[in-house]
């Protein structure tokens, strides 16, 4: 089990990751080439799913 401080620090990292994903998603929205845009949208979706899984796992393992 991790301490509350460790939990909070990890959660802050995951939140900052969300900010980076949001900026990347904005960049992707401006891409004009269809195939590249589609590939980047898939990458963005994978990043969001990974982030969600990390957050869920963290909360489950900490008993919150």
PDB file of N, CA and C in Angstrom:
ATOM      1  N   UNK A   1       0.843  -1.185   0.000  1.00  0.00           N
ATOM      2  CA  UNK A   1       0.000   0.000   0.000  1.00  0.00           C
ATOM      3  C   UNK A   1       0.891   1.252   0.000  1.00  0.00           C
ATOM      4  N   UNK A   2       0.459   2.245  -0.692  1.00  0.00           N
ATOM      5  CA  UNK A   2       1.229   3.490  -0.765  1.00  0.00           C
ATOM      6  C   UNK A   2       0.659   4.503   0.216  1.00  0.00           C
ATOM      7  N   UNK A   3       1.481   5.465   0.570  1.00  0.00           N
ATOM      8  CA  UNK A   3       1.027   6.506   1.495  1.00  0.00           C
ATOM      9  C   UNK A   3       0.104   7.485   0.768  1.00  0.00           C
ATOM     10  N   UNK A   4      -0.602   8.268   1.540  1.00  0.00           N
ATOM     11  CA  UNK A   4      -1.487   9.288   0.955  1.00  0.00           C
ATOM     12  C   UNK A   4      -0.688  10.297   0.129  1.00  0.00           C
ATOM     13  N   UNK A   5       0.514  10.653   0.616  1.00  0.00           N
ATOM     14  CA  UNK A   5       1.348  11.607  -0.131  1.00  0.00           C
ATOM     15  C   UNK A   5       1.792  11.020  -1.463  1.00  0.00           C
ATOM     16  N   UNK A   6       2.184   9.748  -1.459  1.00  0.00           N
ATOM     17  CA  UNK A   6       2.579   9.092  -2.703  1.00  0.00           C
ATOM     18  C   UNK A   6       1.399   9.008  -3.666  1.00  0.00           C
ATOM     19  N   UNK A   7       0.234   8.663  -3.130  1.00  0.00           N
ATOM     20  CA  UNK A   7      -0.980   8.582  -3.941  1.00  0.00           C
ATOM     21  C   UNK A   7      -1.271   9.933  -4.590  1.00  0.00           C
ATOM     22  N   UNK A   8      -1.206  10.998  -3.792  1.00  0.00           N
ATOM     23  CA  UNK A   8      -1.481  12.341  -4.312  1.00  0.00           C
ATOM     24  C   UNK A   8      -0.465  12.737  -5.382  1.00  0.00           C
ATOM     25  N   UNK A   9       0.800  12.399  -5.168  1.00  0.00           N
ATOM     26  CA  UNK A   9       1.838  12.746  -6.146  1.00  0.00           C
ATOM     27  C   UNK A   9       1.622  12.007  -7.468  1.00  0.00           C
ATOM     28  N   UNK A  10       1.309  10.733  -7.385  1.00  0.00           N
ATOM     29  CA  UNK A  10       1.056   9.954  -8.602  1.00  0.00           C
ATOM     30  C   UNK A  10      -0.173  10.487  -9.322  1.00  0.00           C
ATOM     31  N   UNK A  11      -1.196  10.821  -8.565  1.00  0.00           N
ATOM     32  CA  UNK A  11      -2.422  11.356  -9.173  1.00  0.00           C
ATOM     33  C   UNK A  11      -2.138  12.688  -9.879  1.00  0.00           C
ATOM     34  N   UNK A  12      -1.291  13.526  -9.282  1.00  0.00           N
ATOM     35  CA  UNK A  12      -0.922  14.795  -9.934  1.00  0.00           C
ATOM     36  C   UNK A  12      -0.209  14.540 -11.259  1.00  0.00           C
ATOM     37  N   UNK A  13       0.647  13.528 -11.295  1.00  0.00           N
ATOM     38  CA  UNK A  13       1.327  13.179 -12.550  1.00  0.00           C
ATOM     39  C   UNK A  13       0.330  12.739 -13.612  1.00  0.00           C
ATOM     40  N   UNK A  14      -0.661  11.965 -13.204  1.00  0.00           N
ATOM     41  CA  UNK A  14      -1.668  11.497 -14.155  1.00  0.00           C
ATOM     42  C   UNK A  14      -2.502  12.670 -14.661  1.00  0.00           C
ATOM     43  N   UNK A  15      -2.796  13.628 -13.792  1.00  0.00           N
ATOM     44  CA  UNK A  15      -3.544  14.820 -14.214  1.00  0.00           C
ATOM     45  C   UNK A  15      -2.709  15.643 -15.198  1.00  0.00           C
ATOM     46  N   UNK A  16      -1.409  15.776 -14.941  1.00  0.00           N
ATOM     47  CA  UNK A  16      -0.576  16.537 -15.880  1.00  0.00           C
ATOM     48  C   UNK A  16      -0.470  15.804 -17.215  1.00  0.00           C
ATOM     49  N   UNK A  17      -0.506  14.472 -17.171  1.00  0.00           N
ATOM     50  CA  UNK A  17      -0.516  13.696 -18.411  1.00  0.00           C
ATOM     51  C   UNK A  17      -1.776  14.019 -19.212  1.00  0.00           C
ATOM     52  N   UNK A  18      -2.909  14.200 -18.524  1.00  0.00           N
ATOM     53  CA  UNK A  18      -4.158  14.554 -19.201  1.00  0.00           C
ATOM     54  C   UNK A  18      -4.001  15.886 -19.933  1.00  0.00           C
ATOM     55  N   UNK A  19      -3.347  16.842 -19.305  1.00  0.00           N
ATOM     56  CA  UNK A  19      -3.131  18.141 -19.952  1.00  0.00           C
ATOM     57  C   UNK A  19      -2.309  17.987 -21.229  1.00  0.00           C
ATOM     58  N   UNK A  20      -1.283  17.145 -21.179  1.00  0.00           N
ATOM     59  CA  UNK A  20      -0.469  16.915 -22.376  1.00  0.00           C
ATOM     60  C   UNK A  20      -1.282  16.225 -23.467  1.00  0.00           C
ATOM     61  N   UNK A  21      -2.119  15.271 -23.080  1.00  0.00           N
ATOM     62  CA  UNK A  21      -2.966  14.580 -24.058  1.00  0.00           C
ATOM     63  C   UNK A  21      -3.939  15.566 -24.693  1.00  0.00           C
ATOM     64  N   UNK A  22      -4.508  16.458 -23.884  1.00  0.00           N
ATOM     65  CA  UNK A  22      -5.435  17.461 -24.414  1.00  0.00           C
ATOM     66  C   UNK A  22      -4.748  18.365 -25.434  1.00  0.00           C
ATOM     67  N   UNK A  23      -3.515  18.779 -25.148  1.00  0.00           N
ATOM     68  CA  UNK A  23      -2.770  19.617 -26.098  1.00  0.00           C
ATOM     69  C   UNK A  23      -2.462  18.853 -27.379  1.00  0.00           C
ATOM     70  N   UNK A  24      -2.091  17.587 -27.237  1.00  0.00           N
ATOM     71  CA  UNK A  24      -1.812  16.746 -28.397  1.00  0.00           C
ATOM     72  C   UNK A  24      -3.075  16.583 -29.234  1.00  0.00           C
ATOM     73  N   UNK A  25      -4.208  16.388 -28.558  1.00  0.00           N
ATOM     74  CA  UNK A  25      -5.482  16.229 -29.265  1.00  0.00           C
ATOM     75  C   UNK A  25      -5.818  17.495 -30.058  1.00  0.00           C
ATOM     76  N   UNK A  26      -5.538  18.648 -29.489  1.00  0.00           N
ATOM     77  CA  UNK A  26      -5.770  19.912 -30.201  1.00  0.00           C
ATOM     78  C   UNK A  26      -4.883  19.985 -31.446  1.00  0.00           C
ATOM     79  N   UNK A  27      -3.624  19.601 -31.294  1.00  0.00           N
ATOM     80  CA  UNK A  27      -2.702  19.580 -32.432  1.00  0.00           C
ATOM     81  C   UNK A  27      -3.232  18.655 -33.527  1.00  0.00           C
ATOM     82  N   UNK A  28      -3.688  17.474 -33.136  1.00  0.00           N
ATOM     83  CA  UNK A  28      -4.200  16.489 -34.093  1.00  0.00           C
ATOM     84  C   UNK A  28      -5.411  17.044 -34.835  1.00  0.00           C
ATOM     85  N   UNK A  29      -6.240  17.814 -34.151  1.00  0.00           N
ATOM     86  CA  UNK A  29      -7.447  18.351 -34.790  1.00  0.00           C
ATOM     87  C   UNK A  29      -7.111  19.289 -35.948  1.00  0.00           C
ATOM     88  N   UNK A  30      -5.900  19.818 -35.954  1.00  0.00           N
ATOM     89  CA  UNK A  30      -5.496  20.750 -37.013  1.00  0.00           C
ATOM     90  C   UNK A  30      -4.797  20.067 -38.192  1.00  0.00           C
ATOM     91  N   UNK A  31      -4.571  18.763 -38.102  1.00  0.00           N
ATOM     92  CA  UNK A  31      -3.922  18.028 -39.191  1.00  0.00           C
ATOM     93  C   UNK A  31      -4.894  17.914 -40.364  1.00  0.00           C
ATOM     94  N   UNK A  32      -4.402  18.170 -41.554  1.00  0.00           N
ATOM     95  CA  UNK A  32      -5.250  18.154 -42.753  1.00  0.00           C
ATOM     96  C   UNK A  32      -5.218  16.823 -43.498  1.00  0.00           C
ATOM     97  N   UNK A  33      -4.089  16.119 -43.477  1.00  0.00           N
ATOM     98  CA  UNK A  33      -3.935  14.871 -44.225  1.00  0.00           C
ATOM     99  C   UNK A  33      -4.758  13.769 -43.551  1.00  0.00           C
ATOM    100  N   UNK A  34      -5.757  13.204 -44.246  1.00  0.00           N
ATOM    101  CA  UNK A  34      -6.710  12.267 -43.630  1.00  0.00           C
ATOM    102  C   UNK A  34      -6.088  11.040 -42.966  1.00  0.00           C
ATOM    103  N   UNK A  35      -5.151  10.375 -43.631  1.00  0.00           N
ATOM    104  CA  UNK A  35      -4.577   9.150 -43.052  1.00  0.00           C
ATOM    105  C   UNK A  35      -3.758   9.463 -41.805  1.00  0.00           C
ATOM    106  N   UNK A  36      -2.970  10.521 -41.860  1.00  0.00           N
ATOM    107  CA  UNK A  36      -2.179  10.922 -40.700  1.00  0.00           C
ATOM    108  C   UNK A  36      -3.095  11.313 -39.544  1.00  0.00           C
ATOM    109  N   UNK A  37      -4.150  12.058 -39.860  1.00  0.00           N
ATOM    110  CA  UNK A  37      -5.091  12.479 -38.823  1.00  0.00           C
ATOM    111  C   UNK A  37      -5.740  11.260 -38.164  1.00  0.00           C
ATOM    112  N   UNK A  38      -6.154  10.291 -38.970  1.00  0.00           N
ATOM    113  CA  UNK A  38      -6.782   9.081 -38.427  1.00  0.00           C
ATOM    114  C   UNK A  38      -5.809   8.320 -37.524  1.00  0.00           C
ATOM    115  N   UNK A  39      -4.562   8.184 -37.968  1.00  0.00           N
ATOM    116  CA  UNK A  39      -3.553   7.489 -37.165  1.00  0.00           C
ATOM    117  C   UNK A  39      -3.310   8.213 -35.841  1.00  0.00           C
ATOM    118  N   UNK A  40      -3.242   9.519 -35.897  1.00  0.00           N
ATOM    119  CA  UNK A  40      -3.010  10.300 -34.684  1.00  0.00           C
ATOM    120  C   UNK A  40      -4.218  10.241 -33.740  1.00  0.00           C
ATOM    121  N   UNK A  41      -5.424  10.203 -34.296  1.00  0.00           N
ATOM    122  CA  UNK A  41      -6.613  10.072 -33.461  1.00  0.00           C
ATOM    123  C   UNK A  41      -6.617   8.724 -32.738  1.00  0.00           C
ATOM    124  N   UNK A  42      -6.164   7.677 -33.424  1.00  0.00           N
ATOM    125  CA  UNK A  42      -6.057   6.355 -32.788  1.00  0.00           C
ATOM    126  C   UNK A  42      -5.037   6.389 -31.654  1.00  0.00           C
ATOM    127  N   UNK A  43      -3.924   7.063 -31.888  1.00  0.00           N
ATOM    128  CA  UNK A  43      -2.900   7.197 -30.858  1.00  0.00           C
ATOM    129  C   UNK A  43      -3.447   7.960 -29.653  1.00  0.00           C
ATOM    130  N   UNK A  44      -4.170   9.037 -29.912  1.00  0.00           N
ATOM    131  CA  UNK A  44      -4.761   9.819 -28.834  1.00  0.00           C
ATOM    132  C   UNK A  44      -5.735   8.972 -28.024  1.00  0.00           C
ATOM    133  N   UNK A  45      -6.560   8.189 -28.692  1.00  0.00           N
ATOM    134  CA  UNK A  45      -7.512   7.318 -27.996  1.00  0.00           C
ATOM    135  C   UNK A  45      -6.775   6.300 -27.126  1.00  0.00           C
ATOM    136  N   UNK A  46      -5.687   5.747 -27.640  1.00  0.00           N
ATOM    137  CA  UNK A  46      -4.900   4.781 -26.864  1.00  0.00           C
ATOM    138  C   UNK A  46      -4.293   5.440 -25.627  1.00  0.00           C
ATOM    139  N   UNK A  47      -3.798   6.662 -25.783  1.00  0.00           N
ATOM    140  CA  UNK A  47      -3.236   7.387 -24.645  1.00  0.00           C
ATOM    141  C   UNK A  47      -4.297   7.648 -23.582  1.00  0.00           C
ATOM    142  N   UNK A  48      -5.493   8.032 -24.016  1.00  0.00           N
ATOM    143  CA  UNK A  48      -6.582   8.283 -23.069  1.00  0.00           C
ATOM    144  C   UNK A  48      -6.967   7.005 -22.327  1.00  0.00           C
ATOM    145  N   UNK A  49      -7.036   5.890 -23.049  1.00  0.00           N
ATOM    146  CA  UNK A  49      -7.382   4.618 -22.417  1.00  0.00           C
ATOM    147  C   UNK A  49      -6.317   4.197 -21.413  1.00  0.00           C
ATOM    148  N   UNK A  50      -5.060   4.391 -21.766  1.00  0.00           N
ATOM    149  CA  UNK A  50      -3.974   4.042 -20.854  1.00  0.00           C
ATOM    150  C   UNK A  50      -4.050   4.896 -19.594  1.00  0.00           C
ATOM    151  N   UNK A  51      -4.279   6.186 -19.755  1.00  0.00           N
ATOM    152  CA  UNK A  51      -4.377   7.097 -18.619  1.00  0.00           C
ATOM    153  C   UNK A  51      -5.526   6.694 -17.712  1.00  0.00           C
ATOM    154  N   UNK A  52      -6.664   6.386 -18.314  1.00  0.00           N
ATOM    155  CA  UNK A  52      -7.831   5.966 -17.544  1.00  0.00           C
ATOM    156  C   UNK A  52      -7.535   4.685 -16.771  1.00  0.00           C
ATOM    157  N   UNK A  53      -6.869   3.745 -17.419  1.00  0.00           N
ATOM    158  CA  UNK A  53      -6.508   2.497 -16.756  1.00  0.00           C
ATOM    159  C   UNK A  53      -5.551   2.712 -15.597  1.00  0.00           C
ATOM    160  N   UNK A  54      -4.588   3.605 -15.773  1.00  0.00           N
ATOM    161  CA  UNK A  54      -3.648   3.913 -14.696  1.00  0.00           C
ATOM    162  C   UNK A  54      -4.365   4.502 -13.491  1.00  0.00           C
ATOM    163  N   UNK A  55      -5.258   5.433 -13.756  1.00  0.00           N
ATOM    164  CA  UNK A  55      -5.991   6.078 -12.672  1.00  0.00           C
ATOM    165  C   UNK A  55      -6.878   5.076 -11.941  1.00  0.00           C
ATOM    166  N   UNK A  56      -7.576   4.233 -12.683  1.00  0.00           N
ATOM    167  CA  UNK A  56      -8.437   3.213 -12.080  1.00  0.00           C
ATOM    168  C   UNK A  56      -7.610   2.248 -11.238  1.00  0.00           C
ATOM    169  N   UNK A  57      -6.498   1.793 -11.783  1.00  0.00           N
ATOM    170  CA  UNK A  57      -5.626   0.862 -11.066  1.00  0.00           C
ATOM    171  C   UNK A  57      -5.079   1.496  -9.795  1.00  0.00           C
ATOM    172  N   UNK A  58      -4.669   2.735  -9.887  1.00  0.00           N
ATOM    173  CA  UNK A  58      -4.145   3.447  -8.725  1.00  0.00           C
ATOM    174  C   UNK A  58      -5.197   3.531  -7.630  1.00  0.00           C
ATOM    175  N   UNK A  59      -6.404   3.927  -8.002  1.00  0.00           N
ATOM    176  CA  UNK A  59      -7.465   4.069  -7.008  1.00  0.00           C
ATOM    177  C   UNK A  59      -7.875   2.715  -6.432  1.00  0.00           C
ATOM    178  N   UNK A  60      -7.931   1.682  -7.274  1.00  0.00           N
ATOM    179  CA  UNK A  60      -8.286   0.343  -6.798  1.00  0.00           C
ATOM    180  C   UNK A  60      -7.243  -0.190  -5.821  1.00  0.00           C
ATOM    181  N   UNK A  61      -5.976   0.015  -6.138  1.00  0.00           N
ATOM    182  CA  UNK A  61      -4.898  -0.500  -5.289  1.00  0.00           C
ATOM    183  C   UNK A  61      -4.727   0.286  -4.004  1.00  0.00           C
ATOM    184  N   UNK A  62      -5.236   1.492  -3.971  1.00  0.00           N
ATOM    185  CA  UNK A  62      -5.123   2.301  -2.765  1.00  0.00           C
ATOM    186  C   UNK A  62      -6.374   2.205  -1.903  1.00  0.00           C
ATOM    187  N   UNK A  63      -7.382   1.502  -2.392  1.00  0.00           N
ATOM    188  CA  UNK A  63      -8.595   1.328  -1.606  1.00  0.00           C
ATOM    189  C   UNK A  63      -9.503   2.532  -1.566  1.00  0.00           C
ATOM    190  N   UNK A  64      -9.387   3.428  -2.546  1.00  0.00           N
ATOM    191  CA  UNK A  64     -10.252   4.621  -2.595  1.00  0.00           C
ATOM    192  C   UNK A  64     -11.380   4.413  -3.548  1.00  0.00           C
TER     193      UNK A  64
END
